[in-house]
Amino acid sequence: MNTGRIRRVLTQSIPTTFRLFLGITFLIYGLAKLYPGQFGVPTPEIATKNGEGFVMAWSFFGYSRIYEIFIGLGEVISGILIMIPRTATLGVVCFFPIALNVMMVNYCYQIGVQDLSTLMVGMCIILLWLDRKKLFLIFAQTRELDNSVSVNKQKGERGA
C-alpha cells in the first residue's frame, strides 16, 4: 500500500468515524434528557446534606424540565446534523459549544466522565480544523456582505 492511498483513507475515514461517534453519543445523551431519566430531582435534604458537586449539579439541571428538554433537543439536533455528510459542518459548529459546556460542567462539578467529554471536545476541534477552509469561506463572504451593506448605506440607499 502506498502512502498516498493510506493518507487518503485516513483523511476520509477518521472524520467519518469521529462524526458517527459524536453523533451517536449525543443522540444517546440527548434522548436520555428528552425521556426523563438522566437528571433526577433529589429531595432538597439530599442536595444539602451530601454537598457533592455531582448531586448539586444534577439537582439544579433536573429542577427545570424545560431546561432539560432544551439541552436534550440541542444534543439530538446537533447529533443528527453531524452524522449527515451534507450538514456535518453545521453539525460540528452547533455541537462544539454544547460539548464544551458539557465538558466544563463535568470538570467543575466532578461529574466523573471528564475523559469522554474531553475526547468529544478534542474530536470537535479536529473536525472544525479539517473544515477550516469551508468555515473561512463562510465567514469571509459574510464580511464581504457586511461591507457591501455599509457601502450602500453610505450612498444613501435604505437597508432591508
C-alpha atoms as a PDB file:
ATOM      1  CA  MET A   1       0.000   0.000   0.000  1.00  0.00           C
ATOM      2  CA  ASN A   2       1.446   3.363  -0.922  1.00  0.00           C
ATOM      3  CA  THR A   3       1.455   6.332   1.438  1.00  0.00           C
ATOM      4  CA  GLY A   4      -0.871   8.368  -0.800  1.00  0.00           C
ATOM      5  CA  ARG A   5      -3.588   5.759  -0.510  1.00  0.00           C
ATOM      6  CA  ILE A   6      -3.098   5.425   3.241  1.00  0.00           C
ATOM      7  CA  ARG A   7      -3.321   9.192   3.651  1.00  0.00           C
ATOM      8  CA  ARG A   8      -6.493   9.330   1.526  1.00  0.00           C
ATOM      9  CA  VAL A   9      -8.116   6.533   3.531  1.00  0.00           C
ATOM     10  CA  LEU A  10      -7.213   8.207   6.825  1.00  0.00           C
ATOM     11  CA  THR A  11      -8.408  11.656   5.753  1.00  0.00           C
ATOM     12  CA  GLN A  12     -11.754  10.166   4.780  1.00  0.00           C
ATOM     13  CA  SER A  13     -12.282   7.543   7.479  1.00  0.00           C
ATOM     14  CA  ILE A  14     -11.153   9.461  10.565  1.00  0.00           C
ATOM     15  CA  PRO A  15     -13.588  12.393  10.142  1.00  0.00           C
ATOM     16  CA  THR A  16     -16.412   9.960   9.358  1.00  0.00           C
ATOM     17  CA  THR A  17     -15.580   7.880  12.423  1.00  0.00           C
ATOM     18  CA  PHE A  18     -15.426  10.997  14.604  1.00  0.00           C
ATOM     19  CA  ARG A  19     -18.743  12.303  13.251  1.00  0.00           C
ATOM     20  CA  LEU A  20     -20.510   8.983  13.811  1.00  0.00           C
ATOM     21  CA  PHE A  21     -19.076   8.593  17.311  1.00  0.00           C
ATOM     22  CA  LEU A  22     -20.049  12.140  18.294  1.00  0.00           C
ATOM     23  CA  GLY A  23     -23.475  11.900  16.686  1.00  0.00           C
ATOM     24  CA  ILE A  24     -24.399   8.588  18.294  1.00  0.00           C
ATOM     25  CA  THR A  25     -23.073   9.680  21.690  1.00  0.00           C
ATOM     26  CA  PHE A  26     -25.014  12.945  21.599  1.00  0.00           C
ATOM     27  CA  LEU A  27     -28.148  11.164  20.419  1.00  0.00           C
ATOM     28  CA  ILE A  28     -27.940   8.811  23.393  1.00  0.00           C
ATOM     29  CA  TYR A  29     -27.398  11.624  25.899  1.00  0.00           C
ATOM     30  CA  GLY A  30     -29.960  13.903  24.243  1.00  0.00           C
ATOM     31  CA  LEU A  31     -32.661  11.242  24.156  1.00  0.00           C
ATOM     32  CA  ALA A  32     -31.920  10.445  27.809  1.00  0.00           C
ATOM     33  CA  LYS A  33     -32.745  14.064  28.600  1.00  0.00           C
ATOM     34  CA  LEU A  34     -35.885  14.129  26.467  1.00  0.00           C
ATOM     35  CA  TYR A  35     -37.141  10.954  28.073  1.00  0.00           C
ATOM     36  CA  PRO A  36     -36.962  11.803  31.776  1.00  0.00           C
ATOM     37  CA  GLY A  37     -34.196   9.866  33.343  1.00  0.00           C
ATOM     38  CA  GLN A  38     -30.756  11.435  33.060  1.00  0.00           C
ATOM     39  CA  PHE A  39     -31.409  14.191  35.585  1.00  0.00           C
ATOM     40  CA  GLY A  40     -33.351  13.176  38.628  1.00  0.00           C
ATOM     41  CA  VAL A  41     -34.666  15.663  41.121  1.00  0.00           C
ATOM     42  CA  PRO A  42     -33.438  14.518  44.506  1.00  0.00           C
ATOM     43  CA  THR A  43     -35.045  15.848  47.622  1.00  0.00           C
ATOM     44  CA  PRO A  44     -33.547  19.090  48.959  1.00  0.00           C
ATOM     45  CA  GLU A  45     -32.233  17.234  52.005  1.00  0.00           C
ATOM     46  CA  ILE A  46     -30.016  15.045  49.803  1.00  0.00           C
ATOM     47  CA  ALA A  47     -28.564  18.018  47.969  1.00  0.00           C
ATOM     48  CA  THR A  48     -27.801  19.987  51.121  1.00  0.00           C
ATOM     49  CA  LYS A  49     -26.591  17.100  53.296  1.00  0.00           C
ATOM     50  CA  ASN A  50     -24.362  15.499  50.715  1.00  0.00           C
ATOM     51  CA  GLY A  51     -22.995  18.677  49.170  1.00  0.00           C
ATOM     52  CA  GLU A  52     -21.241  16.823  46.351  1.00  0.00           C
ATOM     53  CA  GLY A  53     -20.842  18.689  43.079  1.00  0.00           C
ATOM     54  CA  PHE A  54     -22.478  15.883  41.127  1.00  0.00           C
ATOM     55  CA  VAL A  55     -25.621  15.818  43.293  1.00  0.00           C
ATOM     56  CA  MET A  56     -25.887  19.593  43.366  1.00  0.00           C
ATOM     57  CA  ALA A  57     -25.436  19.899  39.587  1.00  0.00           C
ATOM     58  CA  TRP A  58     -27.981  17.184  38.854  1.00  0.00           C
ATOM     59  CA  SER A  59     -30.423  18.777  41.307  1.00  0.00           C
ATOM     60  CA  PHE A  60     -30.012  22.103  39.530  1.00  0.00           C
ATOM     61  CA  PHE A  61     -30.349  20.699  35.998  1.00  0.00           C
ATOM     62  CA  GLY A  62     -33.213  18.408  36.960  1.00  0.00           C
ATOM     63  CA  TYR A  63     -35.171  21.188  38.636  1.00  0.00           C
ATOM     64  CA  SER A  64     -36.414  22.623  35.323  1.00  0.00           C
ATOM     65  CA  ARG A  65     -37.955  20.131  32.909  1.00  0.00           C
ATOM     66  CA  ILE A  66     -37.989  22.815  30.183  1.00  0.00           C
ATOM     67  CA  TYR A  67     -34.231  23.357  30.522  1.00  0.00           C
ATOM     68  CA  GLU A  68     -33.661  19.606  30.373  1.00  0.00           C
ATOM     69  CA  ILE A  69     -35.721  19.400  27.153  1.00  0.00           C
ATOM     70  CA  PHE A  70     -33.842  22.396  25.714  1.00  0.00           C
ATOM     71  CA  ILE A  71     -30.461  20.753  26.338  1.00  0.00           C
ATOM     72  CA  GLY A  72     -31.740  17.405  25.040  1.00  0.00           C
ATOM     73  CA  LEU A  73     -33.066  18.923  21.812  1.00  0.00           C
ATOM     74  CA  GLY A  74     -29.778  20.733  21.227  1.00  0.00           C
ATOM     75  CA  GLU A  75     -27.879  17.479  21.628  1.00  0.00           C
ATOM     76  CA  VAL A  76     -30.258  15.459  19.432  1.00  0.00           C
ATOM     77  CA  ILE A  77     -30.363  18.043  16.632  1.00  0.00           C
ATOM     78  CA  SER A  78     -26.579  18.506  16.684  1.00  0.00           C
ATOM     79  CA  GLY A  79     -26.087  14.746  16.790  1.00  0.00           C
ATOM     80  CA  ILE A  80     -28.266  14.237  13.719  1.00  0.00           C
ATOM     81  CA  LEU A  81     -26.689  17.132  11.793  1.00  0.00           C
ATOM     82  CA  ILE A  82     -23.157  15.932  12.459  1.00  0.00           C
ATOM     83  CA  MET A  83     -23.874  12.432  11.096  1.00  0.00           C
ATOM     84  CA  ILE A  84     -25.291  13.632   7.763  1.00  0.00           C
ATOM     85  CA  PRO A  85     -22.382  14.402   5.407  1.00  0.00           C
ATOM     86  CA  ARG A  86     -24.144  17.364   3.802  1.00  0.00           C
ATOM     87  CA  THR A  87     -24.836  19.048   7.168  1.00  0.00           C
ATOM     88  CA  ALA A  88     -21.761  17.789   9.045  1.00  0.00           C
ATOM     89  CA  THR A  89     -20.018  21.175   9.186  1.00  0.00           C
ATOM     90  CA  LEU A  90     -23.136  22.874  10.554  1.00  0.00           C
ATOM     91  CA  GLY A  91     -23.489  19.997  12.997  1.00  0.00           C
ATOM     92  CA  VAL A  92     -19.951  20.460  14.310  1.00  0.00           C
ATOM     93  CA  VAL A  93     -20.443  24.230  14.623  1.00  0.00           C
ATOM     94  CA  CYS A  94     -23.630  23.619  16.658  1.00  0.00           C
ATOM     95  CA  PHE A  95     -22.120  20.673  18.524  1.00  0.00           C
ATOM     96  CA  PHE A  96     -18.886  22.312  19.707  1.00  0.00           C
ATOM     97  CA  PRO A  97     -20.282  24.873  22.198  1.00  0.00           C
ATOM     98  CA  ILE A  98     -22.625  22.259  23.654  1.00  0.00           C
ATOM     99  CA  ALA A  99     -19.791  19.742  24.036  1.00  0.00           C
ATOM    100  CA  LEU A 100     -17.527  22.415  25.540  1.00  0.00           C
ATOM    101  CA  ASN A 101     -20.233  23.345  28.056  1.00  0.00           C
ATOM    102  CA  VAL A 102     -20.760  19.678  28.967  1.00  0.00           C
ATOM    103  CA  MET A 103     -17.011  19.266  29.461  1.00  0.00           C
ATOM    104  CA  MET A 104     -16.823  22.306  31.738  1.00  0.00           C
ATOM    105  CA  VAL A 105     -19.788  21.102  33.823  1.00  0.00           C
ATOM    106  CA  ASN A 106     -18.140  17.684  34.134  1.00  0.00           C
ATOM    107  CA  TYR A 107     -14.854  19.206  35.333  1.00  0.00           C
ATOM    108  CA  CYS A 108     -16.325  21.911  37.551  1.00  0.00           C
ATOM    109  CA  TYR A 109     -18.832  19.641  39.312  1.00  0.00           C
ATOM    110  CA  GLN A 110     -16.769  16.423  39.294  1.00  0.00           C
ATOM    111  CA  ILE A 111     -19.382  14.536  37.264  1.00  0.00           C
ATOM    112  CA  GLY A 112     -16.950  11.714  36.524  1.00  0.00           C
ATOM    113  CA  VAL A 113     -16.970  11.492  32.737  1.00  0.00           C
ATOM    114  CA  GLN A 114     -14.321  14.125  32.109  1.00  0.00           C
ATOM    115  CA  ASP A 115     -12.365  11.784  29.831  1.00  0.00           C
ATOM    116  CA  LEU A 116     -15.311  11.227  27.494  1.00  0.00           C
ATOM    117  CA  SER A 117     -16.246  14.900  27.335  1.00  0.00           C
ATOM    118  CA  THR A 118     -12.621  15.920  26.730  1.00  0.00           C
ATOM    119  CA  LEU A 119     -12.382  13.350  23.930  1.00  0.00           C
ATOM    120  CA  MET A 120     -15.575  14.728  22.374  1.00  0.00           C
ATOM    121  CA  VAL A 121     -14.312  18.328  22.508  1.00  0.00           C
ATOM    122  CA  GLY A 122     -10.996  17.218  21.001  1.00  0.00           C
ATOM    123  CA  MET A 123     -12.815  15.449  18.163  1.00  0.00           C
ATOM    124  CA  CYS A 124     -14.880  18.590  17.545  1.00  0.00           C
ATOM    125  CA  ILE A 125     -11.734  20.708  17.369  1.00  0.00           C
ATOM    126  CA  ILE A 126     -10.181  18.300  14.860  1.00  0.00           C
ATOM    127  CA  LEU A 127     -13.354  18.314  12.726  1.00  0.00           C
ATOM    128  CA  LEU A 128     -13.517  22.119  12.847  1.00  0.00           C
ATOM    129  CA  TRP A 129      -9.847  22.257  11.829  1.00  0.00           C
ATOM    130  CA  LEU A 130     -10.492  19.924   8.893  1.00  0.00           C
ATOM    131  CA  ASP A 131     -13.389  22.172   7.793  1.00  0.00           C
ATOM    132  CA  ARG A 132     -11.451  25.410   8.375  1.00  0.00           C
ATOM    133  CA  LYS A 133     -11.370  26.346   4.668  1.00  0.00           C
ATOM    134  CA  LYS A 134     -15.121  25.915   4.365  1.00  0.00           C
ATOM    135  CA  LEU A 135     -15.714  27.908   7.539  1.00  0.00           C
ATOM    136  CA  PHE A 136     -13.319  30.634   6.417  1.00  0.00           C
ATOM    137  CA  LEU A 137     -15.230  30.991   3.148  1.00  0.00           C
ATOM    138  CA  ILE A 138     -18.495  31.302   5.039  1.00  0.00           C
ATOM    139  CA  PHE A 139     -17.164  33.975   7.391  1.00  0.00           C
ATOM    140  CA  ALA A 140     -15.174  35.789   4.679  1.00  0.00           C
ATOM    141  CA  GLN A 141     -18.267  36.027   2.467  1.00  0.00           C
ATOM    142  CA  THR A 142     -20.271  37.272   5.431  1.00  0.00           C
ATOM    143  CA  ARG A 143     -17.708  40.024   5.984  1.00  0.00           C
ATOM    144  CA  GLU A 144     -17.877  40.997   2.298  1.00  0.00           C
ATOM    145  CA  LEU A 145     -21.663  41.113   2.536  1.00  0.00           C
ATOM    146  CA  ASP A 146     -21.445  43.329   5.632  1.00  0.00           C
ATOM    147  CA  ASN A 147     -19.033  45.660   3.820  1.00  0.00           C
ATOM    148  CA  SER A 148     -21.316  45.953   0.779  1.00  0.00           C
ATOM    149  CA  VAL A 149     -24.299  46.741   3.013  1.00  0.00           C
ATOM    150  CA  SER A 150     -22.373  49.509   4.786  1.00  0.00           C
ATOM    151  CA  VAL A 151     -21.233  50.967   1.420  1.00  0.00           C
ATOM    152  CA  ASN A 152     -24.851  51.023   0.201  1.00  0.00           C
ATOM    153  CA  LYS A 153     -25.969  52.794   3.359  1.00  0.00           C
ATOM    154  CA  GLN A 154     -23.251  55.405   2.876  1.00  0.00           C
ATOM    155  CA  LYS A 155     -24.565  56.109  -0.620  1.00  0.00           C
ATOM    156  CA  GLY A 156     -27.959  56.919   0.844  1.00  0.00           C
ATOM    157  CA  GLU A 157     -29.733  53.686  -0.005  1.00  0.00           C
ATOM    158  CA  ARG A 158     -32.001  52.126   2.527  1.00  0.00           C
ATOM    159  CA  GLY A 159     -31.184  48.755   4.013  1.00  0.00           C
ATOM    160  CA  ALA A 160     -33.690  45.968   4.368  1.00  0.00           C
END
